[in-house]
Amino acid sequence: MKIIISKQKKFFTSQGKKINTLKISDIANELNLSSSTVSRAVKEKYIKTNFGIISLRKLFNLDSAVFLHQQKILEYIENENKEKPFSDQDIVNLLEKDGIKIARRTVTKYREKLGYKSSHKRKNIKDYKNLIFYIMLQFQYQEI
């Protein structure tokens, strides 16, 4: 457990937003155990953090392609213009420019898994008109 936590320090300090590459085989080699033993040891085990209860398996990159796609999506969202955040389709287009072809639904799934809301909900509301419009939408305002 100590080894996993020390290897994933970035995950805990970023409130689960960033994760280091970590394979079950890396931990198995370090502990001089088989990968299947480590896999069984972390199966259905959880750790309580200040940002929620996390499955230990989440701390391992079980599919490196998925991991890389999620990291790229995370990078785009964290570096986007907060006034005009990227929609999921915008992210699909950016990924395609980088040679990664995935569906918009997949981007939505990964974005939600990373803990980010839709572009509409990530947008910063600056001026009063937008604030009133936003409040009206939230409370489903109807004229009397």
N, C-alpha and C. Protein backbone atom coordinates (compact mmCIF):
# COMPACT_ATOMS: atom_id res chain seq x y z
N MET A 1 0.83 -1.19 0.00
CA MET A 1 0.00 0.00 0.00
C MET A 1 0.87 1.25 0.00
N LYS A 2 1.92 1.25 0.82
CA LYS A 2 2.80 2.42 0.90
C LYS A 2 3.46 2.70 -0.45
N ILE A 3 3.85 1.63 -1.15
CA ILE A 3 4.51 1.79 -2.45
C ILE A 3 3.53 2.41 -3.45
N ILE A 4 2.32 1.90 -3.48
CA ILE A 4 1.31 2.42 -4.41
C ILE A 4 1.06 3.90 -4.14
N ILE A 5 0.88 4.25 -2.88
CA ILE A 5 0.61 5.64 -2.53
C ILE A 5 1.79 6.54 -2.87
N SER A 6 3.00 6.07 -2.60
CA SER A 6 4.17 6.90 -2.91
C SER A 6 4.33 7.08 -4.43
N LYS A 7 4.01 6.06 -5.21
CA LYS A 7 4.11 6.16 -6.67
C LYS A 7 3.01 7.04 -7.26
N GLN A 8 1.89 7.14 -6.56
CA GLN A 8 0.77 7.93 -7.06
C GLN A 8 0.56 9.22 -6.25
N LYS A 9 1.62 9.77 -5.74
CA LYS A 9 1.53 10.99 -4.93
C LYS A 9 0.82 12.11 -5.70
N LYS A 10 1.11 12.22 -7.01
CA LYS A 10 0.48 13.26 -7.84
C LYS A 10 -1.04 13.12 -7.84
N PHE A 11 -1.53 11.88 -7.83
CA PHE A 11 -2.97 11.62 -7.82
C PHE A 11 -3.61 12.21 -6.57
N PHE A 12 -2.98 12.00 -5.43
CA PHE A 12 -3.54 12.46 -4.17
C PHE A 12 -3.40 13.97 -3.98
N THR A 13 -2.29 14.55 -4.44
CA THR A 13 -2.10 15.99 -4.28
C THR A 13 -2.93 16.80 -5.27
N SER A 14 -3.37 16.17 -6.37
CA SER A 14 -4.20 16.87 -7.37
C SER A 14 -5.69 16.56 -7.20
N GLN A 15 -6.04 15.97 -6.07
CA GLN A 15 -7.44 15.61 -5.80
C GLN A 15 -7.99 14.64 -6.84
N GLY A 16 -7.14 13.73 -7.33
CA GLY A 16 -7.57 12.71 -8.27
C GLY A 16 -7.61 13.14 -9.72
N LYS A 17 -7.12 14.33 -10.03
CA LYS A 17 -7.18 14.84 -11.41
C LYS A 17 -6.01 14.36 -12.27
N LYS A 18 -4.87 14.09 -11.66
CA LYS A 18 -3.69 13.66 -12.41
C LYS A 18 -3.22 12.33 -11.84
N ILE A 19 -2.67 11.52 -12.72
CA ILE A 19 -2.23 10.20 -12.27
C ILE A 19 -0.94 9.83 -12.99
N ASN A 20 -0.06 9.19 -12.28
CA ASN A 20 1.19 8.70 -12.88
C ASN A 20 0.94 7.36 -13.54
N THR A 21 1.80 7.03 -14.48
CA THR A 21 1.73 5.71 -15.11
C THR A 21 2.20 4.68 -14.09
N LEU A 22 1.36 3.71 -13.80
CA LEU A 22 1.70 2.67 -12.84
C LEU A 22 1.03 1.37 -13.27
N LYS A 23 1.83 0.35 -13.43
CA LYS A 23 1.30 -0.96 -13.82
C LYS A 23 1.39 -1.91 -12.65
N ILE A 24 0.49 -2.86 -12.63
CA ILE A 24 0.50 -3.89 -11.59
C ILE A 24 1.84 -4.62 -11.62
N SER A 25 2.37 -4.85 -12.81
CA SER A 25 3.65 -5.55 -12.94
C SER A 25 4.80 -4.77 -12.29
N ASP A 26 4.73 -3.42 -12.32
CA ASP A 26 5.77 -2.61 -11.67
C ASP A 26 5.80 -2.87 -10.17
N ILE A 27 4.62 -2.89 -9.56
CA ILE A 27 4.53 -3.14 -8.12
C ILE A 27 4.93 -4.58 -7.82
N ALA A 28 4.50 -5.51 -8.65
CA ALA A 28 4.85 -6.93 -8.46
C ALA A 28 6.36 -7.11 -8.49
N ASN A 29 7.03 -6.49 -9.44
CA ASN A 29 8.49 -6.59 -9.53
C ASN A 29 9.17 -6.00 -8.30
N GLU A 30 8.67 -4.86 -7.85
CA GLU A 30 9.26 -4.20 -6.69
C GLU A 30 9.09 -5.03 -5.42
N LEU A 31 7.98 -5.74 -5.31
CA LEU A 31 7.70 -6.56 -4.13
C LEU A 31 8.15 -8.01 -4.30
N ASN A 32 8.68 -8.32 -5.48
CA ASN A 32 9.12 -9.68 -5.80
C ASN A 32 7.96 -10.68 -5.68
N LEU A 33 6.81 -10.27 -6.24
CA LEU A 33 5.60 -11.11 -6.27
C LEU A 33 5.14 -11.25 -7.72
N SER A 34 4.22 -12.16 -7.95
CA SER A 34 3.67 -12.27 -9.30
C SER A 34 2.61 -11.18 -9.51
N SER A 35 2.40 -10.82 -10.76
CA SER A 35 1.39 -9.81 -11.09
C SER A 35 0.00 -10.24 -10.66
N SER A 36 -0.29 -11.52 -10.80
CA SER A 36 -1.62 -12.01 -10.42
C SER A 36 -1.84 -11.89 -8.91
N THR A 37 -0.79 -12.06 -8.12
CA THR A 37 -0.91 -11.90 -6.66
C THR A 37 -1.25 -10.46 -6.31
N VAL A 38 -0.54 -9.52 -6.92
CA VAL A 38 -0.81 -8.09 -6.67
C VAL A 38 -2.21 -7.74 -7.16
N SER A 39 -2.58 -8.25 -8.32
CA SER A 39 -3.91 -7.97 -8.87
C SER A 39 -5.01 -8.45 -7.93
N ARG A 40 -4.86 -9.65 -7.39
CA ARG A 40 -5.85 -10.17 -6.43
C ARG A 40 -5.84 -9.36 -5.14
N ALA A 41 -4.67 -8.88 -4.74
CA ALA A 41 -4.56 -8.13 -3.48
C ALA A 41 -5.28 -6.78 -3.56
N VAL A 42 -5.31 -6.16 -4.73
CA VAL A 42 -5.95 -4.85 -4.84
C VAL A 42 -7.40 -4.94 -5.31
N LYS A 43 -7.81 -6.15 -5.73
CA LYS A 43 -9.18 -6.34 -6.21
C LYS A 43 -10.18 -6.06 -5.10
N GLU A 44 -11.18 -5.24 -5.42
CA GLU A 44 -12.25 -4.87 -4.50
C GLU A 44 -11.75 -4.27 -3.20
N LYS A 45 -10.63 -3.57 -3.27
CA LYS A 45 -10.09 -2.83 -2.11
C LYS A 45 -10.21 -1.34 -2.41
N TYR A 46 -10.50 -0.55 -1.38
CA TYR A 46 -10.74 0.87 -1.56
C TYR A 46 -9.93 1.66 -0.54
N ILE A 47 -9.70 2.92 -0.88
CA ILE A 47 -9.00 3.81 0.03
C ILE A 47 -9.83 5.08 0.18
N LYS A 48 -9.98 5.54 1.41
CA LYS A 48 -10.75 6.75 1.67
C LYS A 48 -9.81 7.94 1.58
N THR A 49 -10.17 8.92 0.74
CA THR A 49 -9.38 10.14 0.59
C THR A 49 -10.25 11.34 0.95
N ASN A 50 -9.63 12.51 0.98
CA ASN A 50 -10.42 13.71 1.27
C ASN A 50 -11.28 14.12 0.08
N PHE A 51 -11.14 13.44 -1.07
CA PHE A 51 -11.98 13.74 -2.23
C PHE A 51 -12.84 12.54 -2.63
N GLY A 52 -13.00 11.59 -1.72
CA GLY A 52 -13.89 10.46 -1.96
C GLY A 52 -13.23 9.11 -1.73
N ILE A 53 -14.00 8.08 -1.92
CA ILE A 53 -13.51 6.71 -1.77
C ILE A 53 -13.08 6.23 -3.15
N ILE A 54 -11.85 5.76 -3.24
CA ILE A 54 -11.24 5.39 -4.52
C ILE A 54 -10.90 3.90 -4.52
N SER A 55 -11.21 3.24 -5.62
CA SER A 55 -10.80 1.85 -5.80
C SER A 55 -9.29 1.82 -6.02
N LEU A 56 -8.60 0.89 -5.37
CA LEU A 56 -7.15 0.77 -5.57
C LEU A 56 -6.82 0.48 -7.03
N ARG A 57 -7.71 -0.22 -7.71
CA ARG A 57 -7.46 -0.53 -9.13
C ARG A 57 -7.41 0.73 -9.98
N LYS A 58 -8.09 1.79 -9.53
CA LYS A 58 -8.06 3.05 -10.28
C LYS A 58 -6.66 3.65 -10.31
N LEU A 59 -5.83 3.28 -9.35
CA LEU A 59 -4.48 3.83 -9.27
C LEU A 59 -3.52 3.15 -10.24
N PHE A 60 -3.99 2.10 -10.90
CA PHE A 60 -3.17 1.41 -11.90
C PHE A 60 -3.71 1.71 -13.29
N ASN A 61 -2.81 1.78 -14.24
CA ASN A 61 -3.19 2.01 -15.63
C ASN A 61 -3.36 0.65 -16.29
N LEU A 62 -4.59 0.17 -16.26
CA LEU A 62 -4.85 -1.16 -16.79
C LEU A 62 -4.91 -1.17 -18.32
N ASP A 63 -5.23 -0.04 -18.90
CA ASP A 63 -5.24 0.09 -20.36
C ASP A 63 -4.50 1.37 -20.70
N SER A 64 -3.29 1.25 -21.19
CA SER A 64 -2.45 2.42 -21.41
C SER A 64 -3.01 3.36 -22.47
N ALA A 65 -3.73 2.85 -23.49
CA ALA A 65 -4.32 3.73 -24.50
C ALA A 65 -5.40 4.61 -23.87
N VAL A 66 -6.25 4.01 -23.06
CA VAL A 66 -7.29 4.77 -22.36
C VAL A 66 -6.64 5.81 -21.46
N PHE A 67 -5.62 5.42 -20.74
CA PHE A 67 -4.90 6.33 -19.85
C PHE A 67 -4.35 7.52 -20.63
N LEU A 68 -3.72 7.27 -21.76
CA LEU A 68 -3.15 8.35 -22.57
C LEU A 68 -4.23 9.27 -23.11
N HIS A 69 -5.35 8.71 -23.53
CA HIS A 69 -6.45 9.52 -24.03
C HIS A 69 -7.00 10.41 -22.91
N GLN A 70 -7.16 9.85 -21.73
CA GLN A 70 -7.67 10.64 -20.60
C GLN A 70 -6.71 11.75 -20.23
N GLN A 71 -5.41 11.46 -20.26
CA GLN A 71 -4.42 12.49 -19.93
C GLN A 71 -4.45 13.62 -20.95
N LYS A 72 -4.64 13.29 -22.21
CA LYS A 72 -4.71 14.31 -23.27
C LYS A 72 -5.95 15.17 -23.07
N ILE A 73 -7.09 14.56 -22.77
CA ILE A 73 -8.33 15.29 -22.52
C ILE A 73 -8.15 16.21 -21.32
N LEU A 74 -7.54 15.69 -20.27
CA LEU A 74 -7.26 16.48 -19.08
C LEU A 74 -6.40 17.69 -19.42
N GLU A 75 -5.39 17.49 -20.23
CA GLU A 75 -4.49 18.57 -20.65
C GLU A 75 -5.27 19.66 -21.40
N TYR A 76 -6.13 19.25 -22.33
CA TYR A 76 -6.93 20.22 -23.09
C TYR A 76 -7.84 21.03 -22.17
N ILE A 77 -8.53 20.36 -21.26
CA ILE A 77 -9.48 21.04 -20.38
C ILE A 77 -8.76 21.99 -19.43
N GLU A 78 -7.63 21.56 -18.89
CA GLU A 78 -6.92 22.41 -17.94
C GLU A 78 -6.30 23.63 -18.60
N ASN A 79 -6.03 23.55 -19.91
CA ASN A 79 -5.40 24.67 -20.61
C ASN A 79 -6.36 25.45 -21.50
N GLU A 80 -7.66 25.14 -21.41
CA GLU A 80 -8.63 25.81 -22.27
C GLU A 80 -8.91 27.23 -21.79
N ASN A 81 -9.48 28.03 -22.67
CA ASN A 81 -9.95 29.37 -22.32
C ASN A 81 -11.20 29.19 -21.47
N LYS A 82 -11.15 29.65 -20.23
CA LYS A 82 -12.27 29.44 -19.31
C LYS A 82 -13.52 30.22 -19.73
N GLU A 83 -13.34 31.24 -20.58
CA GLU A 83 -14.48 32.00 -21.10
C GLU A 83 -15.21 31.21 -22.19
N LYS A 84 -14.46 30.38 -22.91
CA LYS A 84 -15.02 29.60 -24.02
C LYS A 84 -14.45 28.19 -23.97
N PRO A 85 -14.90 27.40 -23.00
CA PRO A 85 -14.35 26.04 -22.84
C PRO A 85 -14.67 25.15 -24.03
N PHE A 86 -13.84 24.14 -24.21
CA PHE A 86 -14.02 23.20 -25.31
C PHE A 86 -15.23 22.32 -25.08
N SER A 87 -16.03 22.16 -26.13
CA SER A 87 -17.11 21.17 -26.08
C SER A 87 -16.47 19.80 -26.29
N ASP A 88 -17.24 18.75 -26.07
CA ASP A 88 -16.70 17.41 -26.29
C ASP A 88 -16.31 17.22 -27.76
N GLN A 89 -17.09 17.82 -28.67
CA GLN A 89 -16.75 17.71 -30.10
C GLN A 89 -15.46 18.46 -30.40
N ASP A 90 -15.25 19.62 -29.76
CA ASP A 90 -13.98 20.35 -29.93
C ASP A 90 -12.81 19.47 -29.50
N ILE A 91 -12.99 18.77 -28.40
CA ILE A 91 -11.92 17.89 -27.89
C ILE A 91 -11.67 16.75 -28.86
N VAL A 92 -12.75 16.19 -29.44
CA VAL A 92 -12.59 15.14 -30.45
C VAL A 92 -11.75 15.66 -31.61
N ASN A 93 -12.04 16.89 -32.06
CA ASN A 93 -11.30 17.48 -33.18
C ASN A 93 -9.83 17.69 -32.82
N LEU A 94 -9.56 18.15 -31.60
CA LEU A 94 -8.17 18.34 -31.16
C LEU A 94 -7.43 17.01 -31.09
N LEU A 95 -8.11 15.99 -30.59
CA LEU A 95 -7.50 14.66 -30.51
C LEU A 95 -7.18 14.13 -31.91
N GLU A 96 -8.09 14.37 -32.85
CA GLU A 96 -7.85 13.91 -34.23
C GLU A 96 -6.61 14.57 -34.82
N LYS A 97 -6.40 15.86 -34.49
CA LYS A 97 -5.20 16.56 -34.97
C LYS A 97 -3.93 15.92 -34.40
N ASP A 98 -4.07 15.31 -33.22
CA ASP A 98 -2.93 14.62 -32.59
C ASP A 98 -2.86 13.14 -33.00
N GLY A 99 -3.73 12.74 -33.94
CA GLY A 99 -3.69 11.37 -34.44
C GLY A 99 -4.47 10.37 -33.60
N ILE A 100 -5.34 10.86 -32.71
CA ILE A 100 -6.14 9.99 -31.85
C ILE A 100 -7.59 10.08 -32.32
N LYS A 101 -8.16 8.96 -32.73
CA LYS A 101 -9.53 8.96 -33.22
C LYS A 101 -10.42 8.20 -32.24
N ILE A 102 -11.26 8.97 -31.52
CA ILE A 102 -12.24 8.37 -30.62
C ILE A 102 -13.56 9.12 -30.78
N ALA A 103 -14.64 8.48 -30.40
CA ALA A 103 -15.98 9.05 -30.55
C ALA A 103 -16.24 10.13 -29.50
N ARG A 104 -17.17 11.03 -29.82
CA ARG A 104 -17.56 12.08 -28.88
C ARG A 104 -18.10 11.47 -27.59
N ARG A 105 -18.88 10.39 -27.71
CA ARG A 105 -19.43 9.73 -26.51
C ARG A 105 -18.31 9.25 -25.60
N THR A 106 -17.22 8.79 -26.20
CA THR A 106 -16.08 8.32 -25.42
C THR A 106 -15.41 9.48 -24.71
N VAL A 107 -15.28 10.62 -25.40
CA VAL A 107 -14.72 11.82 -24.77
C VAL A 107 -15.59 12.23 -23.59
N THR A 108 -16.90 12.19 -23.76
CA THR A 108 -17.83 12.53 -22.68
C THR A 108 -17.61 11.61 -21.48
N LYS A 109 -17.51 10.33 -21.75
CA LYS A 109 -17.30 9.34 -20.67
C LYS A 109 -15.99 9.61 -19.93
N TYR A 110 -14.91 9.84 -20.67
CA TYR A 110 -13.61 10.10 -20.05
C TYR A 110 -13.63 11.41 -19.27
N ARG A 111 -14.26 12.46 -19.84
CA ARG A 111 -14.33 13.77 -19.17
C ARG A 111 -15.06 13.62 -17.84
N GLU A 112 -16.18 12.92 -17.85
CA GLU A 112 -16.94 12.71 -16.62
C GLU A 112 -16.15 11.89 -15.61
N LYS A 113 -15.44 10.88 -16.10
CA LYS A 113 -14.61 10.04 -15.22
C LYS A 113 -13.49 10.87 -14.57
N LEU A 114 -13.00 11.87 -15.31
CA LEU A 114 -11.96 12.75 -14.78
C LEU A 114 -12.53 13.80 -13.82
N GLY A 115 -13.86 13.87 -13.73
CA GLY A 115 -14.49 14.78 -12.78
C GLY A 115 -14.79 16.17 -13.33
N TYR A 116 -14.87 16.31 -14.64
CA TYR A 116 -15.16 17.62 -15.24
C TYR A 116 -16.59 17.65 -15.77
N LYS A 117 -17.22 18.80 -15.62
CA LYS A 117 -18.58 19.00 -16.10
C LYS A 117 -18.54 19.35 -17.59
N SER A 118 -19.72 19.47 -18.20
CA SER A 118 -19.82 19.83 -19.61
C SER A 118 -19.27 21.23 -19.83
N SER A 119 -18.99 21.58 -21.08
CA SER A 119 -18.42 22.90 -21.38
C SER A 119 -19.36 24.00 -20.91
N HIS A 120 -20.65 23.78 -21.06
CA HIS A 120 -21.64 24.78 -20.63
C HIS A 120 -21.52 25.06 -19.13
N LYS A 121 -21.32 24.03 -18.35
CA LYS A 121 -21.23 24.19 -16.90
C LYS A 121 -19.85 24.64 -16.44
N ARG A 122 -18.81 24.47 -17.30
CA ARG A 122 -17.47 24.92 -16.94
C ARG A 122 -17.26 26.40 -17.25
N LYS A 123 -18.13 26.97 -18.04
CA LYS A 123 -17.95 28.35 -18.49
C LYS A 123 -18.06 29.33 -17.32
N ASN A 124 -17.10 30.26 -17.27
CA ASN A 124 -17.15 31.32 -16.26
C ASN A 124 -18.19 32.34 -16.66
N ILE A 125 -19.01 32.73 -15.73
CA ILE A 125 -20.03 33.74 -16.00
C ILE A 125 -19.48 35.08 -15.52
N LYS A 126 -19.28 36.01 -16.46
CA LYS A 126 -18.65 37.28 -16.11
C LYS A 126 -19.65 38.43 -16.01
N ASP A 127 -20.49 38.56 -17.02
CA ASP A 127 -21.33 39.76 -16.97
C ASP A 127 -22.72 39.46 -16.41
N TYR A 128 -23.38 40.51 -16.01
CA TYR A 128 -24.66 40.44 -15.33
C TYR A 128 -25.73 39.77 -16.18
N LYS A 129 -25.79 40.10 -17.50
CA LYS A 129 -26.79 39.50 -18.38
C LYS A 129 -26.66 37.98 -18.39
N ASN A 130 -25.45 37.52 -18.52
CA ASN A 130 -25.24 36.07 -18.53
C ASN A 130 -25.63 35.45 -17.19
N LEU A 131 -25.37 36.16 -16.11
CA LEU A 131 -25.72 35.67 -14.79
C LEU A 131 -27.23 35.50 -14.65
N ILE A 132 -27.98 36.52 -15.07
CA ILE A 132 -29.44 36.44 -14.99
C ILE A 132 -29.95 35.29 -15.86
N PHE A 133 -29.43 35.18 -17.08
CA PHE A 133 -29.83 34.10 -17.97
C PHE A 133 -29.53 32.74 -17.35
N TYR A 134 -28.36 32.63 -16.75
CA TYR A 134 -27.96 31.38 -16.10
C TYR A 134 -28.91 31.03 -14.96
N ILE A 135 -29.25 32.02 -14.14
CA ILE A 135 -30.16 31.79 -13.02
C ILE A 135 -31.54 31.38 -13.54
N MET A 136 -31.99 32.04 -14.61
CA MET A 136 -33.29 31.69 -15.19
C MET A 136 -33.30 30.24 -15.66
N LEU A 137 -32.22 29.82 -16.29
CA LEU A 137 -32.14 28.43 -16.75
C LEU A 137 -32.12 27.46 -15.58
N GLN A 138 -31.39 27.81 -14.54
CA GLN A 138 -31.27 26.92 -13.40
C GLN A 138 -32.60 26.70 -12.69
N PHE A 139 -33.39 27.73 -12.60
CA PHE A 139 -34.66 27.64 -11.88
C PHE A 139 -35.85 27.48 -12.82
N GLN A 140 -35.56 27.24 -14.10
CA GLN A 140 -36.60 27.07 -15.10
C GLN A 140 -37.63 28.19 -14.99
N TYR A 141 -37.10 29.42 -15.07
CA TYR A 141 -37.90 30.63 -14.93
C TYR A 141 -39.00 30.67 -15.98
N GLN A 142 -40.20 31.00 -15.55
CA GLN A 142 -41.32 31.18 -16.46
C GLN A 142 -42.02 32.47 -16.10
N GLU A 143 -42.39 33.23 -17.13
CA GLU A 143 -43.11 34.48 -16.87
C GLU A 143 -44.50 34.17 -16.37
N ILE A 144 -44.97 35.00 -15.47
CA ILE A 144 -46.31 34.80 -14.88
C ILE A 144 -47.32 35.56 -15.69
